[in-house]
Amino acid sequence: MKDDRGFNEGEKRYRLIFHHAPLGILHFDPAGVITDCNEAFVDIIGSSREALIGLDMRRLPDRRIVGVVEAALSALCEAAACAPQEVAAWLGPCIGPRRFEVGADVLEAFGVAPGGEDGSAFRPCPAPGGDARWLADLPRLARERLARAGVRLVAGGHWCTVEDAQRFYSYRRDRVTGRQAAAVWIRG
């Protein structure tokens, strides 16, 4: 846990939410290296904080991070005493399918063989230097994983943070750090 001295009031509130949220939250740097995570994220991944901090997510040496959607759904269903079919999921803004360029290591992490246009969430993308690259559709990947896990209602996932500069922050677009937040609650 970082020292709260010198933080403004907003940062203190964020830190309170970060450390006490029942949802897994992680921070990573522009290179994809995890710089911080809360205990809920550690529990969902089933690893240790020490193993996660410094983990280069692009290389995914700890393959359990790929199953985070399923692990989060399982934890939610256990805590709420419900079945996946009773869960409604909402996908927030993220880098879109026309902008998220990945290498073969990401395809491998998702169990996809590099190849041609096969209707998958990965489309071949020409890259300078000859290295094989693909455009990844993150919302589609999340929808597919949620559907396989039994979730029937999935909304959202239509907003690209890189392409919509009026509404969203994007480090990839602006090369300036910032924050985004989403709120989740249970009506009751």
C-alpha atoms as a PDB file:
ATOM      1  CA  MET A   1       0.000   0.000   0.000  1.00  0.00           C
ATOM      2  CA  LYS A   2       1.387   3.382  -0.959  1.00  0.00           C
ATOM      3  CA  ASP A   3       1.796   6.255   1.489  1.00  0.00           C
ATOM      4  CA  ASP A   4      -1.225   8.609   1.448  1.00  0.00           C
ATOM      5  CA  ARG A   5       0.716  11.699   2.645  1.00  0.00           C
ATOM      6  CA  GLY A   6       0.615  14.462   0.068  1.00  0.00           C
ATOM      7  CA  PHE A   7      -2.289  12.984  -1.911  1.00  0.00           C
ATOM      8  CA  ASN A   8      -5.169  15.298  -2.705  1.00  0.00           C
ATOM      9  CA  GLU A   9      -8.669  14.445  -1.512  1.00  0.00           C
ATOM     10  CA  GLY A  10      -9.619  12.764  -4.812  1.00  0.00           C
ATOM     11  CA  GLU A  11      -6.558  10.550  -4.733  1.00  0.00           C
ATOM     12  CA  LYS A  12      -7.332   9.559  -1.127  1.00  0.00           C
ATOM     13  CA  ARG A  13     -10.875   8.562  -2.124  1.00  0.00           C
ATOM     14  CA  TYR A  14      -9.553   6.616  -5.084  1.00  0.00           C
ATOM     15  CA  ARG A  15      -7.052   4.785  -2.855  1.00  0.00           C
ATOM     16  CA  LEU A  16      -9.836   3.907  -0.405  1.00  0.00           C
ATOM     17  CA  ILE A  17     -11.921   2.431  -3.237  1.00  0.00           C
ATOM     18  CA  PHE A  18      -8.864   0.728  -4.766  1.00  0.00           C
ATOM     19  CA  HIS A  19      -7.907  -1.090  -1.580  1.00  0.00           C
ATOM     20  CA  HIS A  20     -11.418  -2.013  -0.400  1.00  0.00           C
ATOM     21  CA  ALA A  21     -13.251  -2.800  -3.646  1.00  0.00           C
ATOM     22  CA  PRO A  22     -14.577  -6.349  -3.994  1.00  0.00           C
ATOM     23  CA  LEU A  23     -13.620  -6.106  -7.691  1.00  0.00           C
ATOM     24  CA  GLY A  24     -10.107  -6.732  -8.921  1.00  0.00           C
ATOM     25  CA  ILE A  25      -8.282  -3.574  -9.955  1.00  0.00           C
ATOM     26  CA  LEU A  26      -4.805  -3.321 -11.417  1.00  0.00           C
ATOM     27  CA  HIS A  27      -2.568  -0.548 -12.704  1.00  0.00           C
ATOM     28  CA  PHE A  28      -0.045  -1.046 -15.452  1.00  0.00           C
ATOM     29  CA  ASP A  29       2.461   1.169 -17.183  1.00  0.00           C
ATOM     30  CA  PRO A  30       2.535   2.011 -20.908  1.00  0.00           C
ATOM     31  CA  ALA A  31       4.702  -1.063 -21.547  1.00  0.00           C
ATOM     32  CA  GLY A  32       2.058  -3.380 -20.049  1.00  0.00           C
ATOM     33  CA  VAL A  33       3.926  -4.055 -16.797  1.00  0.00           C
ATOM     34  CA  ILE A  34       1.714  -4.321 -13.695  1.00  0.00           C
ATOM     35  CA  THR A  35       2.675  -1.578 -11.239  1.00  0.00           C
ATOM     36  CA  ASP A  36      -0.037  -2.042  -8.603  1.00  0.00           C
ATOM     37  CA  CYS A  37      -3.056  -4.210  -7.847  1.00  0.00           C
ATOM     38  CA  ASN A  38      -5.549  -4.603  -5.047  1.00  0.00           C
ATOM     39  CA  GLU A  39      -6.099  -7.715  -2.930  1.00  0.00           C
ATOM     40  CA  ALA A  40      -9.306  -8.590  -4.796  1.00  0.00           C
ATOM     41  CA  PHE A  41      -7.310  -8.831  -8.043  1.00  0.00           C
ATOM     42  CA  VAL A  42      -4.719 -11.025  -6.304  1.00  0.00           C
ATOM     43  CA  ASP A  43      -7.522 -13.325  -5.085  1.00  0.00           C
ATOM     44  CA  ILE A  44      -9.193 -13.490  -8.512  1.00  0.00           C
ATOM     45  CA  ILE A  45      -5.942 -14.368 -10.261  1.00  0.00           C
ATOM     46  CA  GLY A  46      -4.990 -16.839  -7.529  1.00  0.00           C
ATOM     47  CA  SER A  47      -1.424 -15.623  -7.369  1.00  0.00           C
ATOM     48  CA  SER A  48       0.563 -13.445  -5.004  1.00  0.00           C
ATOM     49  CA  ARG A  49       1.018  -9.684  -5.088  1.00  0.00           C
ATOM     50  CA  GLU A  50       4.772 -10.226  -5.324  1.00  0.00           C
ATOM     51  CA  ALA A  51       4.354 -12.381  -8.436  1.00  0.00           C
ATOM     52  CA  LEU A  52       2.003  -9.879 -10.102  1.00  0.00           C
ATOM     53  CA  ILE A  53       3.853  -6.589  -9.507  1.00  0.00           C
ATOM     54  CA  GLY A  54       6.357  -6.263 -12.332  1.00  0.00           C
ATOM     55  CA  LEU A  55       4.604  -8.886 -14.503  1.00  0.00           C
ATOM     56  CA  ASP A  56       4.839  -7.971 -18.193  1.00  0.00           C
ATOM     57  CA  MET A  57       1.309  -8.707 -19.375  1.00  0.00           C
ATOM     58  CA  ARG A  58       2.419  -8.698 -23.024  1.00  0.00           C
ATOM     59  CA  ARG A  59       4.484 -11.777 -22.372  1.00  0.00           C
ATOM     60  CA  LEU A  60       1.945 -13.400 -20.020  1.00  0.00           C
ATOM     61  CA  PRO A  61       4.356 -15.811 -18.319  1.00  0.00           C
ATOM     62  CA  ASP A  62       1.631 -16.457 -15.737  1.00  0.00           C
ATOM     63  CA  ARG A  63      -1.133 -17.778 -18.006  1.00  0.00           C
ATOM     64  CA  ARG A  64      -3.739 -17.534 -15.221  1.00  0.00           C
ATOM     65  CA  ILE A  65      -4.193 -13.830 -16.028  1.00  0.00           C
ATOM     66  CA  VAL A  66      -5.848 -14.859 -19.301  1.00  0.00           C
ATOM     67  CA  GLY A  67      -8.664 -16.492 -17.283  1.00  0.00           C
ATOM     68  CA  VAL A  68      -9.477 -13.352 -15.319  1.00  0.00           C
ATOM     69  CA  VAL A  69     -12.965 -13.014 -16.885  1.00  0.00           C
ATOM     70  CA  GLU A  70     -13.923 -16.531 -15.854  1.00  0.00           C
ATOM     71  CA  ALA A  71     -12.373 -16.161 -12.401  1.00  0.00           C
ATOM     72  CA  ALA A  72     -14.166 -12.868 -11.773  1.00  0.00           C
ATOM     73  CA  LEU A  73     -17.483 -14.358 -12.912  1.00  0.00           C
ATOM     74  CA  SER A  74     -16.998 -17.375 -10.657  1.00  0.00           C
ATOM     75  CA  ALA A  75     -16.216 -15.152  -7.645  1.00  0.00           C
ATOM     76  CA  LEU A  76     -19.245 -12.970  -8.378  1.00  0.00           C
ATOM     77  CA  CYS A  77     -21.591 -15.951  -8.696  1.00  0.00           C
ATOM     78  CA  GLU A  78     -20.262 -17.472  -5.482  1.00  0.00           C
ATOM     79  CA  ALA A  79     -20.625 -14.195  -3.563  1.00  0.00           C
ATOM     80  CA  ALA A  80     -24.107 -13.461  -4.959  1.00  0.00           C
ATOM     81  CA  ALA A  81     -25.298 -17.098  -4.826  1.00  0.00           C
ATOM     82  CA  CYS A  82     -26.358 -16.995  -8.461  1.00  0.00           C
ATOM     83  CA  ALA A  83     -25.683 -18.821 -11.706  1.00  0.00           C
ATOM     84  CA  PRO A  84     -23.802 -17.248 -14.650  1.00  0.00           C
ATOM     85  CA  GLN A  85     -27.091 -17.218 -16.603  1.00  0.00           C
ATOM     86  CA  GLU A  86     -28.453 -14.744 -14.016  1.00  0.00           C
ATOM     87  CA  VAL A  87     -25.574 -12.288 -14.473  1.00  0.00           C
ATOM     88  CA  ALA A  88     -25.795  -9.250 -16.739  1.00  0.00           C
ATOM     89  CA  ALA A  89     -22.370  -8.011 -17.862  1.00  0.00           C
ATOM     90  CA  TRP A  90     -21.453  -4.582 -19.174  1.00  0.00           C
ATOM     91  CA  LEU A  91     -18.282  -3.987 -21.152  1.00  0.00           C
ATOM     92  CA  GLY A  92     -16.825  -0.533 -20.726  1.00  0.00           C
ATOM     93  CA  PRO A  93     -14.711   1.498 -23.117  1.00  0.00           C
ATOM     94  CA  CYS A  94     -11.393   0.036 -24.210  1.00  0.00           C
ATOM     95  CA  ILE A  95      -9.008   0.161 -27.122  1.00  0.00           C
ATOM     96  CA  GLY A  96     -11.072  -0.849 -30.154  1.00  0.00           C
ATOM     97  CA  PRO A  97     -10.672  -3.620 -32.731  1.00  0.00           C
ATOM     98  CA  ARG A  98      -9.254  -1.238 -35.360  1.00  0.00           C
ATOM     99  CA  ARG A  99      -6.517  -0.017 -32.979  1.00  0.00           C
ATOM    100  CA  PHE A 100      -5.332  -2.826 -30.683  1.00  0.00           C
ATOM    101  CA  GLU A 101      -2.281  -4.315 -32.382  1.00  0.00           C
ATOM    102  CA  VAL A 102      -0.801  -7.481 -30.846  1.00  0.00           C
ATOM    103  CA  GLY A 103       1.870 -10.050 -31.577  1.00  0.00           C
ATOM    104  CA  ALA A 104       1.827 -13.836 -31.822  1.00  0.00           C
ATOM    105  CA  ASP A 105       2.402 -14.132 -28.042  1.00  0.00           C
ATOM    106  CA  VAL A 106      -1.094 -12.758 -27.381  1.00  0.00           C
ATOM    107  CA  LEU A 107      -2.692 -15.155 -29.871  1.00  0.00           C
ATOM    108  CA  GLU A 108      -0.832 -17.988 -28.160  1.00  0.00           C
ATOM    109  CA  ALA A 109      -2.069 -16.836 -24.732  1.00  0.00           C
ATOM    110  CA  PHE A 110      -5.653 -17.054 -26.024  1.00  0.00           C
ATOM    111  CA  GLY A 111      -5.065 -20.434 -27.660  1.00  0.00           C
ATOM    112  CA  VAL A 112      -5.408 -19.116 -31.217  1.00  0.00           C
ATOM    113  CA  ALA A 113      -3.114 -20.383 -33.955  1.00  0.00           C
ATOM    114  CA  PRO A 114      -1.674 -17.617 -36.156  1.00  0.00           C
ATOM    115  CA  GLY A 115      -3.291 -17.801 -39.544  1.00  0.00           C
ATOM    116  CA  GLY A 116      -5.587 -16.099 -41.976  1.00  0.00           C
ATOM    117  CA  GLU A 117      -8.995 -14.504 -41.691  1.00  0.00           C
ATOM    118  CA  ASP A 118     -11.041 -17.177 -39.912  1.00  0.00           C
ATOM    119  CA  GLY A 119     -13.712 -15.056 -38.268  1.00  0.00           C
ATOM    120  CA  SER A 120     -11.821 -14.966 -34.985  1.00  0.00           C
ATOM    121  CA  ALA A 121     -11.281 -11.946 -32.753  1.00  0.00           C
ATOM    122  CA  PHE A 122      -7.813 -11.560 -34.307  1.00  0.00           C
ATOM    123  CA  ARG A 123      -7.331 -10.146 -37.831  1.00  0.00           C
ATOM    124  CA  PRO A 124      -3.955 -10.079 -39.604  1.00  0.00           C
ATOM    125  CA  CYS A 125      -2.456  -6.588 -39.722  1.00  0.00           C
ATOM    126  CA  PRO A 126       0.508  -5.520 -41.883  1.00  0.00           C
ATOM    127  CA  ALA A 127       3.409  -4.291 -39.761  1.00  0.00           C
ATOM    128  CA  PRO A 128       6.630  -2.518 -40.650  1.00  0.00           C
ATOM    129  CA  GLY A 129       9.688  -4.682 -40.240  1.00  0.00           C
ATOM    130  CA  GLY A 130       7.937  -7.888 -41.238  1.00  0.00           C
ATOM    131  CA  ASP A 131       6.951  -9.056 -37.736  1.00  0.00           C
ATOM    132  CA  ALA A 132       3.562 -10.753 -37.777  1.00  0.00           C
ATOM    133  CA  ARG A 133       0.916  -8.552 -36.127  1.00  0.00           C
ATOM    134  CA  TRP A 134      -2.832  -8.833 -35.564  1.00  0.00           C
ATOM    135  CA  LEU A 135      -5.656  -6.501 -34.597  1.00  0.00           C
ATOM    136  CA  ALA A 136      -7.412  -7.866 -31.506  1.00  0.00           C
ATOM    137  CA  ASP A 137     -11.085  -7.269 -30.740  1.00  0.00           C
ATOM    138  CA  LEU A 138     -11.130  -7.085 -26.921  1.00  0.00           C
ATOM    139  CA  PRO A 139     -14.904  -6.686 -26.559  1.00  0.00           C
ATOM    140  CA  ARG A 140     -15.463  -9.700 -28.793  1.00  0.00           C
ATOM    141  CA  LEU A 141     -12.958 -11.744 -26.769  1.00  0.00           C
ATOM    142  CA  ALA A 142     -14.755 -10.783 -23.554  1.00  0.00           C
ATOM    143  CA  ARG A 143     -18.191 -11.570 -25.058  1.00  0.00           C
ATOM    144  CA  GLU A 144     -16.995 -14.977 -26.266  1.00  0.00           C
ATOM    145  CA  ARG A 145     -15.483 -15.862 -22.890  1.00  0.00           C
ATOM    146  CA  LEU A 146     -18.577 -14.694 -21.011  1.00  0.00           C
ATOM    147  CA  ALA A 147     -20.849 -16.675 -23.361  1.00  0.00           C
ATOM    148  CA  ARG A 148     -18.750 -19.836 -22.882  1.00  0.00           C
ATOM    149  CA  ALA A 149     -19.049 -19.305 -19.120  1.00  0.00           C
ATOM    150  CA  GLY A 150     -22.857 -19.105 -19.386  1.00  0.00           C
ATOM    151  CA  VAL A 151     -23.561 -15.354 -19.312  1.00  0.00           C
ATOM    152  CA  ARG A 152     -26.481 -14.602 -21.614  1.00  0.00           C
ATOM    153  CA  LEU A 153     -26.796 -10.818 -21.328  1.00  0.00           C
ATOM    154  CA  VAL A 154     -23.761  -8.734 -22.293  1.00  0.00           C
ATOM    155  CA  ALA A 155     -24.083  -5.045 -23.154  1.00  0.00           C
ATOM    156  CA  GLY A 156     -21.643  -2.269 -24.014  1.00  0.00           C
ATOM    157  CA  GLY A 157     -18.199  -2.672 -25.471  1.00  0.00           C
ATOM    158  CA  HIS A 158     -18.824  -0.357 -28.416  1.00  0.00           C
ATOM    159  CA  TRP A 159     -16.559   2.531 -27.451  1.00  0.00           C
ATOM    160  CA  CYS A 160     -12.930   2.875 -28.523  1.00  0.00           C
ATOM    161  CA  THR A 161     -10.841   4.959 -26.147  1.00  0.00           C
ATOM    162  CA  VAL A 162      -8.248   5.655 -28.855  1.00  0.00           C
ATOM    163  CA  GLU A 163     -10.694   6.842 -31.517  1.00  0.00           C
ATOM    164  CA  ASP A 164     -13.056   8.881 -29.302  1.00  0.00           C
ATOM    165  CA  ALA A 165     -10.866  11.676 -27.914  1.00  0.00           C
ATOM    166  CA  GLN A 166     -13.876  13.770 -26.907  1.00  0.00           C
ATOM    167  CA  ARG A 167     -15.138  11.191 -24.412  1.00  0.00           C
ATOM    168  CA  PHE A 168     -12.186   9.053 -23.329  1.00  0.00           C
ATOM    169  CA  TYR A 169      -8.643   9.194 -22.056  1.00  0.00           C
ATOM    170  CA  SER A 170      -6.106   7.088 -23.971  1.00  0.00           C
ATOM    171  CA  TYR A 171      -2.406   6.876 -23.249  1.00  0.00           C
ATOM    172  CA  ARG A 172      -1.855   5.199 -26.613  1.00  0.00           C
ATOM    173  CA  ARG A 173      -3.373   8.216 -28.332  1.00  0.00           C
ATOM    174  CA  ASP A 174      -2.145  11.119 -26.148  1.00  0.00           C
ATOM    175  CA  ARG A 175       1.042   9.752 -24.544  1.00  0.00           C
ATOM    176  CA  VAL A 176      -0.018  11.432 -21.280  1.00  0.00           C
ATOM    177  CA  THR A 177      -1.068   9.479 -18.207  1.00  0.00           C
ATOM    178  CA  GLY A 178      -4.545   9.849 -16.740  1.00  0.00           C
ATOM    179  CA  ARG A 179      -7.376   7.952 -15.103  1.00  0.00           C
ATOM    180  CA  GLN A 180     -10.748   6.525 -16.032  1.00  0.00           C
ATOM    181  CA  ALA A 181     -13.271   5.013 -13.674  1.00  0.00           C
ATOM    182  CA  ALA A 182     -16.427   2.960 -13.933  1.00  0.00           C
ATOM    183  CA  ALA A 183     -18.949   2.407 -11.168  1.00  0.00           C
ATOM    184  CA  VAL A 184     -20.691  -0.871 -10.469  1.00  0.00           C
ATOM    185  CA  TRP A 185     -23.437  -1.360  -7.907  1.00  0.00           C
ATOM    186  CA  ILE A 186     -26.199  -3.742  -6.952  1.00  0.00           C
ATOM    187  CA  ARG A 187     -29.732  -2.383  -6.914  1.00  0.00           C
ATOM    188  CA  GLY A 188     -31.476  -3.504  -3.808  1.00  0.00           C
END
